[in-house]
Each structure stands twice: as structure tokens, then as C-alpha cells.
Amino acid sequence: MLVIEFVGAAPEGMTAQVIDRMNTDISDVRKAVTHAKSLFSNVIVQRTHKPLPHGFRILDSDGREVASWSIDE
């Protein structure tokens, strides 16, 4: 199981703030990245009551970051 965290823009020298977090039953990191990018696109269109995410990171079951992406990439 992997966790997708949608994060805001990180202030210089700081860690990005987690805006939303969701568990997924996807265990393949590449598939999780594809899924997260799809969710990210949908979030941007529908987001009105919370800050917009700037990217996401994917964590394994031990809380280690296994992938990340931001709109700057």
C-alpha cells in the first residue's frame, strides 16, 4: 500500500506543507505516480475551498518517500 500526499509550494529551505493525503491499494510506484498525476489534474479543476497543490509525493508503508513530482518539473 502506498500513500499519496498532495503538497503545497515549499518556502525556500522548508518542507512542503501537506494539503491532502490519501491511501491507495496500488503497490507499483510507477502506477501510483500515474494515478497521482491524474488525481492532481482533477484536483486543480475542482479545488475551490482549499489551497491548490503544487505537487505530490508518494510514501511507502514505512513512511519513506519513494517518488515525488511538482509542477516545476
PDB file of N, CA and C in Angstrom:
ATOM      1  N   MET A   1       0.844  -1.179   0.000  1.00  0.00           N
ATOM      2  CA  MET A   1       0.000   0.000   0.000  1.00  0.00           C
ATOM      3  C   MET A   1       0.886   1.237   0.000  1.00  0.00           C
ATOM      4  N   LEU A   2       0.528   2.202  -0.823  1.00  0.00           N
ATOM      5  CA  LEU A   2       1.260   3.461  -0.911  1.00  0.00           C
ATOM      6  C   LEU A   2       0.347   4.607  -0.490  1.00  0.00           C
ATOM      7  N   VAL A   3       0.954   5.687  -0.035  1.00  0.00           N
ATOM      8  CA  VAL A   3       0.224   6.883   0.379  1.00  0.00           C
ATOM      9  C   VAL A   3       0.604   8.013  -0.569  1.00  0.00           C
ATOM     10  N   ILE A   4      -0.398   8.732  -1.049  1.00  0.00           N
ATOM     11  CA  ILE A   4      -0.166   9.901  -1.892  1.00  0.00           C
ATOM     12  C   ILE A   4      -0.431  11.134  -1.042  1.00  0.00           C
ATOM     13  N   GLU A   5       0.554  12.019  -0.966  1.00  0.00           N
ATOM     14  CA  GLU A   5       0.395  13.287  -0.267  1.00  0.00           C
ATOM     15  C   GLU A   5       0.465  14.410  -1.294  1.00  0.00           C
ATOM     16  N   PHE A   6      -0.582  15.215  -1.360  1.00  0.00           N
ATOM     17  CA  PHE A   6      -0.568  16.403  -2.204  1.00  0.00           C
ATOM     18  C   PHE A   6      -0.006  17.533  -1.361  1.00  0.00           C
ATOM     19  N   VAL A   7       0.977  18.231  -1.907  1.00  0.00           N
ATOM     20  CA  VAL A   7       1.690  19.243  -1.126  1.00  0.00           C
ATOM     21  C   VAL A   7       1.622  20.606  -1.804  1.00  0.00           C
ATOM     22  N   GLY A   8       1.708  21.634  -0.971  1.00  0.00           N
ATOM     23  CA  GLY A   8       1.764  23.000  -1.471  1.00  0.00           C
ATOM     24  C   GLY A   8       3.189  23.347  -1.874  1.00  0.00           C
ATOM     25  N   ALA A   9       3.375  24.561  -2.323  1.00  0.00           N
ATOM     26  CA  ALA A   9       4.716  25.033  -2.679  1.00  0.00           C
ATOM     27  C   ALA A   9       5.540  25.151  -1.404  1.00  0.00           C
ATOM     28  N   ALA A  10       6.767  24.695  -1.454  1.00  0.00           N
ATOM     29  CA  ALA A  10       7.642  24.744  -0.284  1.00  0.00           C
ATOM     30  C   ALA A  10       8.360  26.087  -0.225  1.00  0.00           C
ATOM     31  N   PRO A  11       8.233  26.791   0.904  1.00  0.00           N
ATOM     32  CA  PRO A  11       9.037  28.005   1.061  1.00  0.00           C
ATOM     33  C   PRO A  11      10.519  27.638   1.012  1.00  0.00           C
ATOM     34  N   GLU A  12      11.349  28.544   0.560  1.00  0.00           N
ATOM     35  CA  GLU A  12      12.772  28.255   0.397  1.00  0.00           C
ATOM     36  C   GLU A  12      13.371  27.693   1.683  1.00  0.00           C
ATOM     37  N   GLY A  13      14.006  26.521   1.551  1.00  0.00           N
ATOM     38  CA  GLY A  13      14.648  25.880   2.687  1.00  0.00           C
ATOM     39  C   GLY A  13      13.704  25.150   3.620  1.00  0.00           C
ATOM     40  N   MET A  14      12.438  25.086   3.277  1.00  0.00           N
ATOM     41  CA  MET A  14      11.433  24.450   4.137  1.00  0.00           C
ATOM     42  C   MET A  14      10.847  23.226   3.433  1.00  0.00           C
ATOM     43  N   THR A  15      10.182  22.394   4.213  1.00  0.00           N
ATOM     44  CA  THR A  15       9.473  21.241   3.677  1.00  0.00           C
ATOM     45  C   THR A  15       8.081  21.679   3.233  1.00  0.00           C
ATOM     46  N   ALA A  16       7.617  21.130   2.126  1.00  0.00           N
ATOM     47  CA  ALA A  16       6.284  21.464   1.616  1.00  0.00           C
ATOM     48  C   ALA A  16       5.202  21.002   2.584  1.00  0.00           C
ATOM     49  N   GLN A  17       4.173  21.823   2.740  1.00  0.00           N
ATOM     50  CA  GLN A  17       3.041  21.506   3.610  1.00  0.00           C
ATOM     51  C   GLN A  17       2.121  20.504   2.917  1.00  0.00           C
ATOM     52  N   VAL A  18       1.694  19.486   3.655  1.00  0.00           N
ATOM     53  CA  VAL A  18       0.747  18.502   3.125  1.00  0.00           C
ATOM     54  C   VAL A  18      -0.647  19.123   3.130  1.00  0.00           C
ATOM     55  N   ILE A  19      -1.272  19.154   1.959  1.00  0.00           N
ATOM     56  CA  ILE A  19      -2.613  19.709   1.813  1.00  0.00           C
ATOM     57  C   ILE A  19      -3.659  18.606   1.929  1.00  0.00           C
ATOM     58  N   ASP A  20      -3.395  17.482   1.304  1.00  0.00           N
ATOM     59  CA  ASP A  20      -4.290  16.318   1.350  1.00  0.00           C
ATOM     60  C   ASP A  20      -3.450  15.061   1.346  1.00  0.00           C
ATOM     61  N   ARG A  21      -4.017  13.998   1.901  1.00  0.00           N
ATOM     62  CA  ARG A  21      -3.328  12.701   1.952  1.00  0.00           C
ATOM     63  C   ARG A  21      -4.366  11.623   1.658  1.00  0.00           C
ATOM     64  N   MET A  22      -3.955  10.650   0.856  1.00  0.00           N
ATOM     65  CA  MET A  22      -4.873   9.538   0.596  1.00  0.00           C
ATOM     66  C   MET A  22      -4.107   8.227   0.522  1.00  0.00           C
ATOM     67  N   ASN A  23      -4.703   7.190   1.065  1.00  0.00           N
ATOM     68  CA  ASN A  23      -4.146   5.843   0.960  1.00  0.00           C
ATOM     69  C   ASN A  23      -4.601   5.237  -0.354  1.00  0.00           C
ATOM     70  N   THR A  24      -3.760   4.407  -0.921  1.00  0.00           N
ATOM     71  CA  THR A  24      -4.124   3.704  -2.142  1.00  0.00           C
ATOM     72  C   THR A  24      -3.692   2.249  -2.014  1.00  0.00           C
ATOM     73  N   ASP A  25      -4.391   1.368  -2.676  1.00  0.00           N
ATOM     74  CA  ASP A  25      -4.012  -0.050  -2.637  1.00  0.00           C
ATOM     75  C   ASP A  25      -3.044  -0.398  -3.763  1.00  0.00           C
ATOM     76  N   ILE A  26      -2.601   0.609  -4.505  1.00  0.00           N
ATOM     77  CA  ILE A  26      -1.621   0.398  -5.573  1.00  0.00           C
ATOM     78  C   ILE A  26      -0.262   0.155  -4.931  1.00  0.00           C
ATOM     79  N   SER A  27       0.422  -0.904  -5.369  1.00  0.00           N
ATOM     80  CA  SER A  27       1.739  -1.205  -4.796  1.00  0.00           C
ATOM     81  C   SER A  27       2.882  -0.901  -5.765  1.00  0.00           C
ATOM     82  N   ASP A  28       2.577  -0.710  -7.037  1.00  0.00           N
ATOM     83  CA  ASP A  28       3.591  -0.389  -8.039  1.00  0.00           C
ATOM     84  C   ASP A  28       3.795   1.131  -8.069  1.00  0.00           C
ATOM     85  N   VAL A  29       5.017   1.583  -7.838  1.00  0.00           N
ATOM     86  CA  VAL A  29       5.299   3.015  -7.738  1.00  0.00           C
ATOM     87  C   VAL A  29       4.961   3.746  -9.037  1.00  0.00           C
ATOM     88  N   ARG A  30       5.328   3.186 -10.186  1.00  0.00           N
ATOM     89  CA  ARG A  30       5.030   3.855 -11.463  1.00  0.00           C
ATOM     90  C   ARG A  30       3.529   4.025 -11.673  1.00  0.00           C
ATOM     91  N   LYS A  31       2.757   3.009 -11.326  1.00  0.00           N
ATOM     92  CA  LYS A  31       1.299   3.118 -11.450  1.00  0.00           C
ATOM     93  C   LYS A  31       0.752   4.147 -10.470  1.00  0.00           C
ATOM     94  N   ALA A  32       1.341   4.204  -9.287  1.00  0.00           N
ATOM     95  CA  ALA A  32       0.904   5.185  -8.290  1.00  0.00           C
ATOM     96  C   ALA A  32       1.196   6.608  -8.768  1.00  0.00           C
ATOM     97  N   VAL A  33       2.341   6.821  -9.422  1.00  0.00           N
ATOM     98  CA  VAL A  33       2.672   8.143  -9.966  1.00  0.00           C
ATOM     99  C   VAL A  33       1.664   8.530 -11.045  1.00  0.00           C
ATOM    100  N   THR A  34       1.347   7.613 -11.936  1.00  0.00           N
ATOM    101  CA  THR A  34       0.356   7.877 -12.988  1.00  0.00           C
ATOM    102  C   THR A  34      -0.994   8.221 -12.374  1.00  0.00           C
ATOM    103  N   HIS A  35      -1.398   7.462 -11.370  1.00  0.00           N
ATOM    104  CA  HIS A  35      -2.673   7.699 -10.682  1.00  0.00           C
ATOM    105  C   HIS A  35      -2.659   9.068  -9.993  1.00  0.00           C
ATOM    106  N   ALA A  36      -1.565   9.380  -9.319  1.00  0.00           N
ATOM    107  CA  ALA A  36      -1.460  10.653  -8.609  1.00  0.00           C
ATOM    108  C   ALA A  36      -1.503  11.836  -9.576  1.00  0.00           C
ATOM    109  N   LYS A  37      -0.868  11.711 -10.736  1.00  0.00           N
ATOM    110  CA  LYS A  37      -0.909  12.789 -11.733  1.00  0.00           C
ATOM    111  C   LYS A  37      -2.330  12.998 -12.243  1.00  0.00           C
ATOM    112  N   SER A  38      -3.060  11.911 -12.426  1.00  0.00           N
ATOM    113  CA  SER A  38      -4.451  12.018 -12.850  1.00  0.00           C
ATOM    114  C   SER A  38      -5.287  12.712 -11.776  1.00  0.00           C
ATOM    115  N   LEU A  39      -5.105  12.297 -10.533  1.00  0.00           N
ATOM    116  CA  LEU A  39      -5.819  12.940  -9.428  1.00  0.00           C
ATOM    117  C   LEU A  39      -5.447  14.413  -9.329  1.00  0.00           C
ATOM    118  N   PHE A  40      -4.162  14.713  -9.493  1.00  0.00           N
ATOM    119  CA  PHE A  40      -3.688  16.091  -9.425  1.00  0.00           C
ATOM    120  C   PHE A  40      -4.415  16.949 -10.458  1.00  0.00           C
ATOM    121  N   SER A  41      -4.536  16.464 -11.679  1.00  0.00           N
ATOM    122  CA  SER A  41      -5.233  17.211 -12.736  1.00  0.00           C
ATOM    123  C   SER A  41      -6.677  17.476 -12.358  1.00  0.00           C
ATOM    124  N   ASN A  42      -7.341  16.488 -11.789  1.00  0.00           N
ATOM    125  CA  ASN A  42      -8.733  16.650 -11.377  1.00  0.00           C
ATOM    126  C   ASN A  42      -8.861  17.605 -10.200  1.00  0.00           C
ATOM    127  N   VAL A  43      -7.909  17.564  -9.285  1.00  0.00           N
ATOM    128  CA  VAL A  43      -7.943  18.437  -8.112  1.00  0.00           C
ATOM    129  C   VAL A  43      -7.837  19.895  -8.541  1.00  0.00           C
ATOM    130  N   ILE A  44      -6.944  20.189  -9.478  1.00  0.00           N
ATOM    131  CA  ILE A  44      -6.750  21.565  -9.939  1.00  0.00           C
ATOM    132  C   ILE A  44      -8.055  22.137 -10.488  1.00  0.00           C
ATOM    133  N   VAL A  45      -8.796  21.334 -11.213  1.00  0.00           N
ATOM    134  CA  VAL A  45     -10.043  21.794 -11.818  1.00  0.00           C
ATOM    135  C   VAL A  45     -11.125  22.020 -10.765  1.00  0.00           C
ATOM    136  N   GLN A  46     -11.187  21.171  -9.749  1.00  0.00           N
ATOM    137  CA  GLN A  46     -12.301  21.187  -8.805  1.00  0.00           C
ATOM    138  C   GLN A  46     -12.021  21.937  -7.504  1.00  0.00           C
ATOM    139  N   ARG A  47     -10.801  22.317  -7.241  1.00  0.00           N
ATOM    140  CA  ARG A  47     -10.418  22.881  -5.948  1.00  0.00           C
ATOM    141  C   ARG A  47     -10.926  24.310  -5.789  1.00  0.00           C
ATOM    142  N   THR A  48     -11.799  24.540  -4.826  1.00  0.00           N
ATOM    143  CA  THR A  48     -12.280  25.896  -4.573  1.00  0.00           C
ATOM    144  C   THR A  48     -12.158  26.291  -3.106  1.00  0.00           C
ATOM    145  N   HIS A  49     -12.181  25.340  -2.198  1.00  0.00           N
ATOM    146  CA  HIS A  49     -12.228  25.656  -0.769  1.00  0.00           C
ATOM    147  C   HIS A  49     -10.919  25.397  -0.020  1.00  0.00           C
ATOM    148  N   LYS A  50      -9.902  24.908  -0.711  1.00  0.00           N
ATOM    149  CA  LYS A  50      -8.608  24.627  -0.092  1.00  0.00           C
ATOM    150  C   LYS A  50      -7.508  25.168  -0.997  1.00  0.00           C
ATOM    151  N   PRO A  51      -6.307  25.330  -0.451  1.00  0.00           N
ATOM    152  CA  PRO A  51      -5.194  25.776  -1.305  1.00  0.00           C
ATOM    153  C   PRO A  51      -4.919  24.773  -2.427  1.00  0.00           C
ATOM    154  N   LEU A  52      -4.422  25.281  -3.543  1.00  0.00           N
ATOM    155  CA  LEU A  52      -4.066  24.398  -4.655  1.00  0.00           C
ATOM    156  C   LEU A  52      -2.763  23.674  -4.353  1.00  0.00           C
ATOM    157  N   PRO A  53      -2.688  22.395  -4.692  1.00  0.00           N
ATOM    158  CA  PRO A  53      -1.422  21.680  -4.511  1.00  0.00           C
ATOM    159  C   PRO A  53      -0.401  22.138  -5.548  1.00  0.00           C
ATOM    160  N   HIS A  54       0.848  21.978  -5.205  1.00  0.00           N
ATOM    161  CA  HIS A  54       1.952  22.327  -6.097  1.00  0.00           C
ATOM    162  C   HIS A  54       2.606  21.058  -6.649  1.00  0.00           C
ATOM    163  N   GLY A  55       2.265  19.924  -6.034  1.00  0.00           N
ATOM    164  CA  GLY A  55       2.836  18.650  -6.445  1.00  0.00           C
ATOM    165  C   GLY A  55       2.375  17.549  -5.509  1.00  0.00           C
ATOM    166  N   PHE A  56       3.069  16.434  -5.570  1.00  0.00           N
ATOM    167  CA  PHE A  56       2.740  15.330  -4.673  1.00  0.00           C
ATOM    168  C   PHE A  56       3.994  14.533  -4.369  1.00  0.00           C
ATOM    169  N   ARG A  57       3.900  13.754  -3.308  1.00  0.00           N
ATOM    170  CA  ARG A  57       4.931  12.767  -3.005  1.00  0.00           C
ATOM    171  C   ARG A  57       4.225  11.468  -2.665  1.00  0.00           C
ATOM    172  N   ILE A  58       4.905  10.376  -2.925  1.00  0.00           N
ATOM    173  CA  ILE A  58       4.352   9.052  -2.656  1.00  0.00           C
ATOM    174  C   ILE A  58       5.229   8.394  -1.605  1.00  0.00           C
ATOM    175  N   LEU A  59       4.578   7.885  -0.578  1.00  0.00           N
ATOM    176  CA  LEU A  59       5.271   7.254   0.537  1.00  0.00           C
ATOM    177  C   LEU A  59       4.956   5.774   0.582  1.00  0.00           C
ATOM    178  N   ASP A  60       5.943   4.975   1.002  1.00  0.00           N
ATOM    179  CA  ASP A  60       5.690   3.547   1.183  1.00  0.00           C
ATOM    180  C   ASP A  60       5.057   3.315   2.554  1.00  0.00           C
ATOM    181  N   SER A  61       4.812   2.063   2.898  1.00  0.00           N
ATOM    182  CA  SER A  61       4.127   1.740   4.151  1.00  0.00           C
ATOM    183  C   SER A  61       4.945   2.106   5.385  1.00  0.00           C
ATOM    184  N   ASP A  62       6.248   2.348   5.212  1.00  0.00           N
ATOM    185  CA  ASP A  62       7.099   2.771   6.327  1.00  0.00           C
ATOM    186  C   ASP A  62       7.240   4.287   6.393  1.00  0.00           C
ATOM    187  N   GLY A  63       6.543   5.001   5.515  1.00  0.00           N
ATOM    188  CA  GLY A  63       6.598   6.454   5.516  1.00  0.00           C
ATOM    189  C   GLY A  63       7.773   7.050   4.760  1.00  0.00           C
ATOM    190  N   ARG A  64       8.494   6.220   4.021  1.00  0.00           N
ATOM    191  CA  ARG A  64       9.625   6.714   3.223  1.00  0.00           C
ATOM    192  C   ARG A  64       9.128   7.211   1.866  1.00  0.00           C
ATOM    193  N   GLU A  65       9.673   8.335   1.424  1.00  0.00           N
ATOM    194  CA  GLU A  65       9.308   8.869   0.116  1.00  0.00           C
ATOM    195  C   GLU A  65       9.917   8.000  -0.977  1.00  0.00           C
ATOM    196  N   VAL A  66       9.071   7.506  -1.884  1.00  0.00           N
ATOM    197  CA  VAL A  66       9.549   6.660  -2.980  1.00  0.00           C
ATOM    198  C   VAL A  66       9.413   7.347  -4.336  1.00  0.00           C
ATOM    199  N   ALA A  67       8.666   8.437  -4.388  1.00  0.00           N
ATOM    200  CA  ALA A  67       8.519   9.206  -5.625  1.00  0.00           C
ATOM    201  C   ALA A  67       7.965  10.576  -5.271  1.00  0.00           C
ATOM    202  N   SER A  68       8.221  11.535  -6.143  1.00  0.00           N
ATOM    203  CA  SER A  68       7.646  12.870  -5.963  1.00  0.00           C
ATOM    204  C   SER A  68       7.549  13.543  -7.323  1.00  0.00           C
ATOM    205  N   TRP A  69       6.729  14.575  -7.386  1.00  0.00           N
ATOM    206  CA  TRP A  69       6.534  15.328  -8.618  1.00  0.00           C
ATOM    207  C   TRP A  69       6.006  16.703  -8.238  1.00  0.00           C
ATOM    208  N   SER A  70       6.385  17.722  -8.987  1.00  0.00           N
ATOM    209  CA  SER A  70       5.813  19.053  -8.791  1.00  0.00           C
ATOM    210  C   SER A  70       5.594  19.701 -10.150  1.00  0.00           C
ATOM    211  N   ILE A  71       4.806  20.748 -10.162  1.00  0.00           N
ATOM    212  CA  ILE A  71       4.519  21.423 -11.425  1.00  0.00           C
ATOM    213  C   ILE A  71       5.759  22.099 -11.991  1.00  0.00           C
ATOM    214  N   ASP A  72       6.806  22.230 -11.209  1.00  0.00           N
ATOM    215  CA  ASP A  72       8.057  22.825 -11.677  1.00  0.00           C
ATOM    216  C   ASP A  72       8.879  21.864 -12.526  1.00  0.00           C
ATOM    217  N   GLU A  73       8.531  20.591 -12.509  1.00  0.00           N
ATOM    218  CA  GLU A  73       9.316  19.587 -13.258  1.00  0.00           C
ATOM    219  C   GLU A  73       8.860  19.494 -14.693  1.00  0.00           C
TER     220      GLU A  73
END
